[in-house]
Amino acid sequence: MKRIVLMIFCGVLIMTALFGCGGEKHRLIYEDGGFKSSRTEYAAGQHVTVYYDMIGTDTDYRFFFDGVDVKRDYDPKKGYIFKFVMPDHDVKIRCESYSSMIMDPGALEPWPEITNDPEAELPEGFWRCPECKTVNDGRFCSECGRSKPEDQP
């Protein structure tokens, strides 16, 4: 008899440890796609881990967790990792993303007409490589790799 009571008591302890005391569960409400967690409902006080893996290049993200103190981390294989303790209410989670690329207005301007005449004057900012005679606008020749001469403007 004592053995059966002891087994029932141990079973109740294990169930309580695994599933809580049967208290009210609160939901994770994802307002955007890309979030994942092992469950969508947690009791107040339980530890929660949420992953976000919809990551794009040249994109910055802002994450919002409804009144929760979140610890944030990043893993290249899993994406963003968020950890927090479930409060005594549902938690809304959302993400705002925006492009982090910077527009270069000069990229839209037409390339100046440049003649192949080695004696012709070049537009401002351009130089002719003394080695291969290629016209360039950077610090190095796009054809042979030679650096721009210091006497060039």
N, C-alpha and C. Protein backbone atom coordinates (compact mmCIF):
# COMPACT_ATOMS: atom_id res chain seq x y z
N MET A 1 0.82 -1.20 0.00
CA MET A 1 0.00 0.00 0.00
C MET A 1 0.86 1.27 0.00
N LYS A 2 1.90 1.27 0.86
CA LYS A 2 2.79 2.43 0.93
C LYS A 2 3.50 2.63 -0.42
N ARG A 3 3.80 1.53 -1.06
CA ARG A 3 4.50 1.60 -2.34
C ARG A 3 3.60 2.26 -3.40
N ILE A 4 2.32 1.95 -3.43
CA ILE A 4 1.39 2.53 -4.39
C ILE A 4 1.21 4.02 -4.13
N VAL A 5 1.08 4.41 -2.87
CA VAL A 5 0.94 5.82 -2.50
C VAL A 5 2.21 6.59 -2.91
N LEU A 6 3.37 5.99 -2.66
CA LEU A 6 4.63 6.62 -3.03
C LEU A 6 4.72 6.79 -4.55
N MET A 7 4.29 5.79 -5.32
CA MET A 7 4.33 5.88 -6.78
C MET A 7 3.38 6.96 -7.29
N ILE A 8 2.19 7.05 -6.70
CA ILE A 8 1.24 8.10 -7.09
C ILE A 8 1.80 9.48 -6.77
N PHE A 9 2.37 9.62 -5.58
CA PHE A 9 2.95 10.91 -5.18
C PHE A 9 4.08 11.31 -6.14
N CYS A 10 4.96 10.38 -6.47
CA CYS A 10 6.05 10.67 -7.42
C CYS A 10 5.49 11.04 -8.79
N GLY A 11 4.45 10.36 -9.22
CA GLY A 11 3.82 10.68 -10.51
C GLY A 11 3.25 12.08 -10.52
N VAL A 12 2.59 12.47 -9.41
CA VAL A 12 2.03 13.82 -9.31
C VAL A 12 3.15 14.86 -9.32
N LEU A 13 4.24 14.60 -8.61
CA LEU A 13 5.37 15.54 -8.62
C LEU A 13 5.96 15.70 -10.02
N ILE A 14 6.12 14.59 -10.72
CA ILE A 14 6.68 14.65 -12.08
C ILE A 14 5.74 15.42 -13.01
N MET A 15 4.43 15.14 -12.93
CA MET A 15 3.45 15.83 -13.77
C MET A 15 3.42 17.33 -13.47
N THR A 16 3.52 17.68 -12.19
CA THR A 16 3.52 19.09 -11.80
C THR A 16 4.77 19.78 -12.34
N ALA A 17 5.92 19.11 -12.24
CA ALA A 17 7.16 19.70 -12.74
C ALA A 17 7.11 19.89 -14.25
N LEU A 18 6.53 18.92 -14.96
CA LEU A 18 6.50 19.00 -16.43
C LEU A 18 5.42 19.95 -16.96
N PHE A 19 4.27 19.97 -16.35
CA PHE A 19 3.14 20.70 -16.90
C PHE A 19 2.63 21.84 -16.03
N GLY A 20 3.28 22.13 -14.93
CA GLY A 20 2.82 23.20 -14.06
C GLY A 20 1.69 22.71 -13.17
N CYS A 21 1.13 23.61 -12.42
CA CYS A 21 0.09 23.24 -11.45
C CYS A 21 -1.29 23.33 -12.06
N GLY A 22 -1.38 23.36 -13.36
CA GLY A 22 -2.69 23.46 -13.98
C GLY A 22 -3.21 24.88 -14.00
N GLY A 23 -2.31 25.85 -13.76
CA GLY A 23 -2.71 27.26 -13.77
C GLY A 23 -3.07 27.71 -15.17
N GLU A 24 -3.57 28.90 -15.22
CA GLU A 24 -4.00 29.46 -16.51
C GLU A 24 -2.82 29.62 -17.46
N LYS A 25 -3.03 29.25 -18.69
CA LYS A 25 -2.00 29.39 -19.72
C LYS A 25 -2.25 30.68 -20.50
N HIS A 26 -1.16 31.30 -20.91
CA HIS A 26 -1.25 32.53 -21.70
C HIS A 26 -0.63 32.27 -23.07
N ARG A 27 -1.12 32.96 -24.06
CA ARG A 27 -0.73 32.70 -25.45
C ARG A 27 0.36 33.64 -25.93
N LEU A 28 1.14 33.13 -26.88
CA LEU A 28 2.04 33.95 -27.69
C LEU A 28 1.25 34.29 -28.95
N ILE A 29 1.10 35.56 -29.23
CA ILE A 29 0.33 35.99 -30.40
C ILE A 29 1.30 36.61 -31.39
N TYR A 30 1.57 35.91 -32.49
CA TYR A 30 2.50 36.39 -33.51
C TYR A 30 1.72 37.24 -34.51
N GLU A 31 2.04 38.53 -34.56
CA GLU A 31 1.36 39.42 -35.50
C GLU A 31 2.00 39.39 -36.88
N ASP A 32 3.16 38.74 -37.00
CA ASP A 32 3.86 38.62 -38.27
C ASP A 32 4.37 37.19 -38.40
N GLY A 33 4.69 36.77 -39.62
CA GLY A 33 5.26 35.45 -39.85
C GLY A 33 6.72 35.41 -39.47
N GLY A 34 7.27 34.21 -39.42
CA GLY A 34 8.69 34.03 -39.15
C GLY A 34 9.03 33.67 -37.72
N PHE A 35 8.08 33.81 -36.78
CA PHE A 35 8.33 33.48 -35.39
C PHE A 35 7.99 32.02 -35.13
N LYS A 36 8.79 31.38 -34.26
CA LYS A 36 8.55 29.99 -33.89
C LYS A 36 8.88 29.80 -32.41
N SER A 37 8.14 28.92 -31.77
CA SER A 37 8.41 28.50 -30.41
C SER A 37 7.94 27.06 -30.28
N SER A 38 8.45 26.36 -29.28
CA SER A 38 8.05 24.96 -29.13
C SER A 38 6.57 24.83 -28.78
N ARG A 39 5.99 25.85 -28.14
CA ARG A 39 4.56 25.86 -27.81
C ARG A 39 4.02 27.26 -28.05
N THR A 40 2.72 27.38 -28.05
CA THR A 40 2.10 28.70 -28.20
C THR A 40 1.44 29.17 -26.92
N GLU A 41 1.40 28.31 -25.89
CA GLU A 41 0.81 28.68 -24.60
C GLU A 41 1.75 28.32 -23.47
N TYR A 42 1.86 29.24 -22.50
CA TYR A 42 2.74 29.05 -21.36
C TYR A 42 2.04 29.58 -20.11
N ALA A 43 2.35 28.98 -18.97
CA ALA A 43 1.85 29.49 -17.69
C ALA A 43 2.74 30.65 -17.25
N ALA A 44 2.18 31.55 -16.48
CA ALA A 44 2.96 32.68 -15.95
C ALA A 44 4.16 32.13 -15.18
N GLY A 45 5.34 32.71 -15.43
CA GLY A 45 6.56 32.28 -14.76
C GLY A 45 7.38 31.28 -15.54
N GLN A 46 6.82 30.68 -16.57
CA GLN A 46 7.58 29.71 -17.37
C GLN A 46 8.55 30.45 -18.29
N HIS A 47 9.68 29.81 -18.56
CA HIS A 47 10.67 30.37 -19.47
C HIS A 47 10.26 30.09 -20.91
N VAL A 48 10.36 31.13 -21.76
CA VAL A 48 9.92 31.05 -23.15
C VAL A 48 11.10 31.35 -24.06
N THR A 49 11.24 30.59 -25.12
CA THR A 49 12.24 30.86 -26.15
C THR A 49 11.50 30.96 -27.48
N VAL A 50 11.72 32.08 -28.17
CA VAL A 50 11.09 32.32 -29.47
C VAL A 50 12.19 32.56 -30.49
N TYR A 51 12.03 31.98 -31.67
CA TYR A 51 13.00 32.14 -32.76
C TYR A 51 12.37 32.95 -33.90
N TYR A 52 13.21 33.72 -34.58
CA TYR A 52 12.77 34.43 -35.78
C TYR A 52 13.80 34.16 -36.85
N ASP A 53 13.38 33.51 -37.97
CA ASP A 53 14.36 33.10 -38.97
C ASP A 53 14.09 33.63 -40.38
N MET A 54 13.16 34.56 -40.53
CA MET A 54 12.92 35.14 -41.87
C MET A 54 13.85 36.33 -42.06
N ILE A 55 15.11 36.05 -42.29
CA ILE A 55 16.12 37.09 -42.32
C ILE A 55 16.55 37.34 -43.76
N GLY A 56 16.53 38.61 -44.17
CA GLY A 56 16.92 38.99 -45.51
C GLY A 56 18.20 39.81 -45.50
N THR A 57 18.87 39.84 -46.62
CA THR A 57 20.07 40.66 -46.72
C THR A 57 19.69 42.13 -46.83
N ASP A 58 20.57 42.99 -46.41
CA ASP A 58 20.37 44.44 -46.47
C ASP A 58 19.06 44.85 -45.78
N THR A 59 18.73 44.19 -44.68
CA THR A 59 17.49 44.47 -43.97
C THR A 59 17.78 44.60 -42.48
N ASP A 60 17.20 45.61 -41.85
CA ASP A 60 17.29 45.77 -40.40
C ASP A 60 15.92 45.44 -39.81
N TYR A 61 15.93 45.01 -38.55
CA TYR A 61 14.70 44.57 -37.90
C TYR A 61 14.51 45.27 -36.56
N ARG A 62 13.26 45.52 -36.22
CA ARG A 62 12.87 45.99 -34.89
C ARG A 62 11.80 45.03 -34.39
N PHE A 63 12.02 44.48 -33.19
CA PHE A 63 11.10 43.51 -32.62
C PHE A 63 10.37 44.13 -31.44
N PHE A 64 9.10 43.79 -31.31
CA PHE A 64 8.27 44.32 -30.25
C PHE A 64 7.62 43.17 -29.49
N PHE A 65 7.83 43.14 -28.19
CA PHE A 65 7.23 42.13 -27.31
C PHE A 65 6.39 42.89 -26.29
N ASP A 66 5.12 42.65 -26.31
CA ASP A 66 4.11 43.34 -25.51
C ASP A 66 4.44 43.36 -24.01
N GLY A 67 5.19 44.38 -23.55
CA GLY A 67 5.45 44.56 -22.13
C GLY A 67 6.28 43.48 -21.48
N VAL A 68 7.27 42.93 -22.20
CA VAL A 68 8.09 41.84 -21.68
C VAL A 68 9.57 42.24 -21.78
N ASP A 69 10.33 41.93 -20.75
CA ASP A 69 11.77 42.16 -20.76
C ASP A 69 12.43 40.98 -21.47
N VAL A 70 12.94 41.23 -22.69
CA VAL A 70 13.44 40.16 -23.55
C VAL A 70 14.96 40.20 -23.64
N LYS A 71 15.58 39.03 -23.56
CA LYS A 71 17.02 38.89 -23.84
C LYS A 71 17.14 38.40 -25.26
N ARG A 72 17.94 39.12 -26.07
CA ARG A 72 18.02 38.82 -27.50
C ARG A 72 19.41 38.30 -27.84
N ASP A 73 19.44 37.32 -28.73
CA ASP A 73 20.70 36.75 -29.19
C ASP A 73 20.53 36.42 -30.68
N TYR A 74 21.62 36.01 -31.32
CA TYR A 74 21.55 35.65 -32.73
C TYR A 74 22.43 34.43 -32.98
N ASP A 75 21.91 33.50 -33.76
CA ASP A 75 22.65 32.31 -34.18
C ASP A 75 22.51 32.22 -35.69
N PRO A 76 23.62 32.13 -36.44
CA PRO A 76 23.51 32.09 -37.90
C PRO A 76 22.64 30.95 -38.44
N LYS A 77 22.53 29.84 -37.71
CA LYS A 77 21.72 28.72 -38.18
C LYS A 77 20.26 28.82 -37.75
N LYS A 78 20.00 29.45 -36.61
CA LYS A 78 18.64 29.51 -36.07
C LYS A 78 17.99 30.88 -36.24
N GLY A 79 18.78 31.90 -36.51
CA GLY A 79 18.25 33.25 -36.62
C GLY A 79 18.27 33.96 -35.28
N TYR A 80 17.36 34.92 -35.11
CA TYR A 80 17.26 35.66 -33.85
C TYR A 80 16.65 34.76 -32.79
N ILE A 81 17.16 34.87 -31.57
CA ILE A 81 16.66 34.08 -30.45
C ILE A 81 16.25 35.04 -29.35
N PHE A 82 15.01 34.89 -28.87
CA PHE A 82 14.48 35.75 -27.81
C PHE A 82 14.09 34.88 -26.63
N LYS A 83 14.52 35.29 -25.42
CA LYS A 83 14.18 34.54 -24.21
C LYS A 83 13.56 35.50 -23.21
N PHE A 84 12.49 35.02 -22.55
CA PHE A 84 11.85 35.81 -21.51
C PHE A 84 11.03 34.91 -20.61
N VAL A 85 10.58 35.47 -19.50
CA VAL A 85 9.70 34.75 -18.58
C VAL A 85 8.28 35.17 -18.90
N MET A 86 7.40 34.20 -19.06
CA MET A 86 6.01 34.51 -19.42
C MET A 86 5.33 35.29 -18.31
N PRO A 87 4.78 36.46 -18.66
CA PRO A 87 4.04 37.23 -17.66
C PRO A 87 2.65 36.64 -17.45
N ASP A 88 1.87 37.27 -16.62
CA ASP A 88 0.51 36.79 -16.33
C ASP A 88 -0.49 37.38 -17.32
N HIS A 89 -0.13 37.37 -18.61
CA HIS A 89 -1.02 37.83 -19.68
C HIS A 89 -0.49 37.33 -21.02
N ASP A 90 -1.32 37.39 -22.05
CA ASP A 90 -0.89 37.04 -23.40
C ASP A 90 0.20 38.01 -23.85
N VAL A 91 1.08 37.55 -24.72
CA VAL A 91 2.16 38.39 -25.23
C VAL A 91 2.03 38.50 -26.75
N LYS A 92 1.85 39.74 -27.23
CA LYS A 92 1.83 39.99 -28.67
C LYS A 92 3.27 40.25 -29.13
N ILE A 93 3.64 39.61 -30.23
CA ILE A 93 5.00 39.73 -30.76
C ILE A 93 4.89 40.15 -32.22
N ARG A 94 5.67 41.18 -32.57
CA ARG A 94 5.67 41.61 -33.98
C ARG A 94 7.05 42.08 -34.38
N CYS A 95 7.23 42.19 -35.68
CA CYS A 95 8.51 42.60 -36.24
C CYS A 95 8.27 43.65 -37.32
N GLU A 96 9.11 44.67 -37.31
CA GLU A 96 9.13 45.64 -38.40
C GLU A 96 10.48 45.50 -39.09
N SER A 97 10.46 45.42 -40.39
CA SER A 97 11.72 45.32 -41.14
C SER A 97 11.78 46.46 -42.15
N TYR A 98 13.00 46.89 -42.43
CA TYR A 98 13.20 47.96 -43.39
C TYR A 98 14.57 47.81 -44.05
N SER A 99 14.67 48.31 -45.25
CA SER A 99 15.91 48.20 -46.02
C SER A 99 17.00 49.06 -45.37
N SER A 100 18.18 48.49 -45.25
CA SER A 100 19.31 49.23 -44.69
C SER A 100 20.25 49.71 -45.80
N MET A 101 19.85 49.54 -47.04
CA MET A 101 20.68 50.02 -48.15
C MET A 101 20.56 51.53 -48.25
N ILE A 102 21.62 52.17 -48.66
CA ILE A 102 21.64 53.61 -48.83
C ILE A 102 21.62 53.92 -50.31
N MET A 103 20.71 54.79 -50.71
CA MET A 103 20.62 55.15 -52.13
C MET A 103 21.80 56.02 -52.53
N ASP A 104 22.34 55.75 -53.69
CA ASP A 104 23.42 56.54 -54.26
C ASP A 104 22.83 57.34 -55.41
N PRO A 105 22.53 58.64 -55.18
CA PRO A 105 21.92 59.43 -56.25
C PRO A 105 22.78 59.49 -57.51
N GLY A 106 24.11 59.40 -57.35
CA GLY A 106 25.00 59.45 -58.49
C GLY A 106 24.86 58.24 -59.40
N ALA A 107 24.33 57.14 -58.87
CA ALA A 107 24.17 55.94 -59.68
C ALA A 107 23.13 56.14 -60.77
N LEU A 108 22.25 57.12 -60.62
CA LEU A 108 21.21 57.37 -61.60
C LEU A 108 21.64 58.35 -62.69
N GLU A 109 22.78 59.01 -62.47
CA GLU A 109 23.25 59.98 -63.46
C GLU A 109 23.89 59.24 -64.63
N PRO A 110 23.72 59.75 -65.84
CA PRO A 110 24.33 59.09 -67.00
C PRO A 110 25.86 59.20 -66.95
N TRP A 111 26.53 58.19 -67.47
CA TRP A 111 27.99 58.17 -67.54
C TRP A 111 28.43 59.21 -68.57
N PRO A 112 29.42 60.01 -68.25
CA PRO A 112 29.84 61.04 -69.22
C PRO A 112 30.45 60.41 -70.47
N GLU A 113 30.29 61.12 -71.57
CA GLU A 113 30.89 60.66 -72.83
C GLU A 113 32.40 60.80 -72.72
N ILE A 114 33.10 59.71 -72.99
CA ILE A 114 34.56 59.73 -72.91
C ILE A 114 35.09 59.20 -74.23
N THR A 115 35.95 59.96 -74.81
CA THR A 115 36.54 59.57 -76.09
C THR A 115 37.75 58.67 -75.85
N ASN A 116 38.08 57.86 -76.83
CA ASN A 116 39.25 56.99 -76.75
C ASN A 116 40.54 57.70 -77.15
N ASP A 117 40.44 58.96 -77.53
CA ASP A 117 41.62 59.73 -77.92
C ASP A 117 42.50 59.93 -76.68
N PRO A 118 43.72 59.40 -76.68
CA PRO A 118 44.59 59.51 -75.50
C PRO A 118 45.00 60.94 -75.18
N GLU A 119 44.82 61.86 -76.11
CA GLU A 119 45.19 63.26 -75.88
C GLU A 119 44.00 64.08 -75.40
N ALA A 120 42.78 63.52 -75.47
CA ALA A 120 41.58 64.29 -75.11
C ALA A 120 41.53 64.51 -73.59
N GLU A 121 40.97 65.66 -73.24
CA GLU A 121 40.81 65.99 -71.82
C GLU A 121 39.65 65.18 -71.25
N LEU A 122 39.83 64.65 -70.05
CA LEU A 122 38.81 63.81 -69.41
C LEU A 122 37.92 64.65 -68.49
N PRO A 123 36.66 64.22 -68.29
CA PRO A 123 35.78 64.92 -67.35
C PRO A 123 36.37 64.87 -65.93
N GLU A 124 35.95 65.78 -65.08
CA GLU A 124 36.44 65.85 -63.71
C GLU A 124 36.18 64.53 -62.98
N GLY A 125 37.20 64.08 -62.23
CA GLY A 125 37.08 62.85 -61.46
C GLY A 125 37.58 61.61 -62.19
N PHE A 126 37.92 61.74 -63.50
CA PHE A 126 38.40 60.61 -64.28
C PHE A 126 39.89 60.75 -64.53
N TRP A 127 40.56 59.64 -64.75
CA TRP A 127 41.99 59.64 -65.06
C TRP A 127 42.30 58.50 -66.01
N ARG A 128 43.37 58.64 -66.74
CA ARG A 128 43.78 57.63 -67.71
C ARG A 128 44.99 56.90 -67.15
N CYS A 129 44.93 55.57 -67.16
CA CYS A 129 46.02 54.74 -66.63
C CYS A 129 47.25 54.90 -67.53
N PRO A 130 48.39 55.23 -66.94
CA PRO A 130 49.62 55.39 -67.75
C PRO A 130 50.12 54.06 -68.30
N GLU A 131 49.70 52.95 -67.72
CA GLU A 131 50.15 51.63 -68.14
C GLU A 131 49.38 51.13 -69.36
N CYS A 132 48.02 51.09 -69.24
CA CYS A 132 47.21 50.47 -70.30
C CYS A 132 46.28 51.46 -71.00
N LYS A 133 46.28 52.71 -70.57
CA LYS A 133 45.51 53.81 -71.17
C LYS A 133 43.99 53.70 -70.95
N THR A 134 43.54 52.86 -70.01
CA THR A 134 42.12 52.73 -69.70
C THR A 134 41.67 53.93 -68.87
N VAL A 135 40.46 54.44 -69.16
CA VAL A 135 39.90 55.56 -68.40
C VAL A 135 39.20 54.99 -67.16
N ASN A 136 39.49 55.61 -66.00
CA ASN A 136 38.97 55.12 -64.72
C ASN A 136 38.43 56.28 -63.89
N ASP A 137 37.63 55.92 -62.86
CA ASP A 137 37.16 56.94 -61.93
C ASP A 137 37.39 56.53 -60.48
N GLY A 138 38.04 55.40 -60.24
CA GLY A 138 38.32 54.93 -58.88
C GLY A 138 39.78 55.09 -58.54
N ARG A 139 40.20 54.45 -57.46
CA ARG A 139 41.59 54.56 -57.00
C ARG A 139 42.53 53.63 -57.75
N PHE A 140 41.95 52.61 -58.43
CA PHE A 140 42.77 51.65 -59.16
C PHE A 140 42.23 51.48 -60.57
N CYS A 141 43.11 51.10 -61.48
CA CYS A 141 42.71 50.86 -62.87
C CYS A 141 41.84 49.62 -62.95
N SER A 142 40.72 49.75 -63.62
CA SER A 142 39.79 48.63 -63.73
C SER A 142 40.31 47.55 -64.68
N GLU A 143 41.31 47.86 -65.48
CA GLU A 143 41.85 46.91 -66.44
C GLU A 143 43.09 46.19 -65.90
N CYS A 144 44.11 46.95 -65.45
CA CYS A 144 45.38 46.34 -65.05
C CYS A 144 45.61 46.37 -63.54
N GLY A 145 44.81 47.11 -62.78
CA GLY A 145 44.93 47.13 -61.33
C GLY A 145 45.92 48.12 -60.76
N ARG A 146 46.59 48.86 -61.64
CA ARG A 146 47.57 49.85 -61.18
C ARG A 146 46.86 50.95 -60.39
N SER A 147 47.50 51.47 -59.36
CA SER A 147 46.87 52.52 -58.55
C SER A 147 46.93 53.86 -59.29
N LYS A 148 46.01 54.72 -58.98
CA LYS A 148 45.91 56.04 -59.59
C LYS A 148 47.18 56.84 -59.26
N PRO A 149 47.82 57.43 -60.27
CA PRO A 149 49.01 58.24 -60.02
C PRO A 149 48.67 59.44 -59.12
N GLU A 150 49.60 59.81 -58.26
CA GLU A 150 49.35 60.90 -57.32
C GLU A 150 49.20 62.25 -58.00
N ASP A 151 49.76 62.40 -59.22
CA ASP A 151 49.64 63.68 -59.91
C ASP A 151 48.28 63.84 -60.61
N GLN A 152 47.45 62.79 -60.58
CA GLN A 152 46.12 62.86 -61.19
C GLN A 152 45.14 63.47 -60.18
N PRO A 153 44.23 64.34 -60.67
CA PRO A 153 43.25 64.94 -59.73
C PRO A 153 42.21 63.94 -59.25
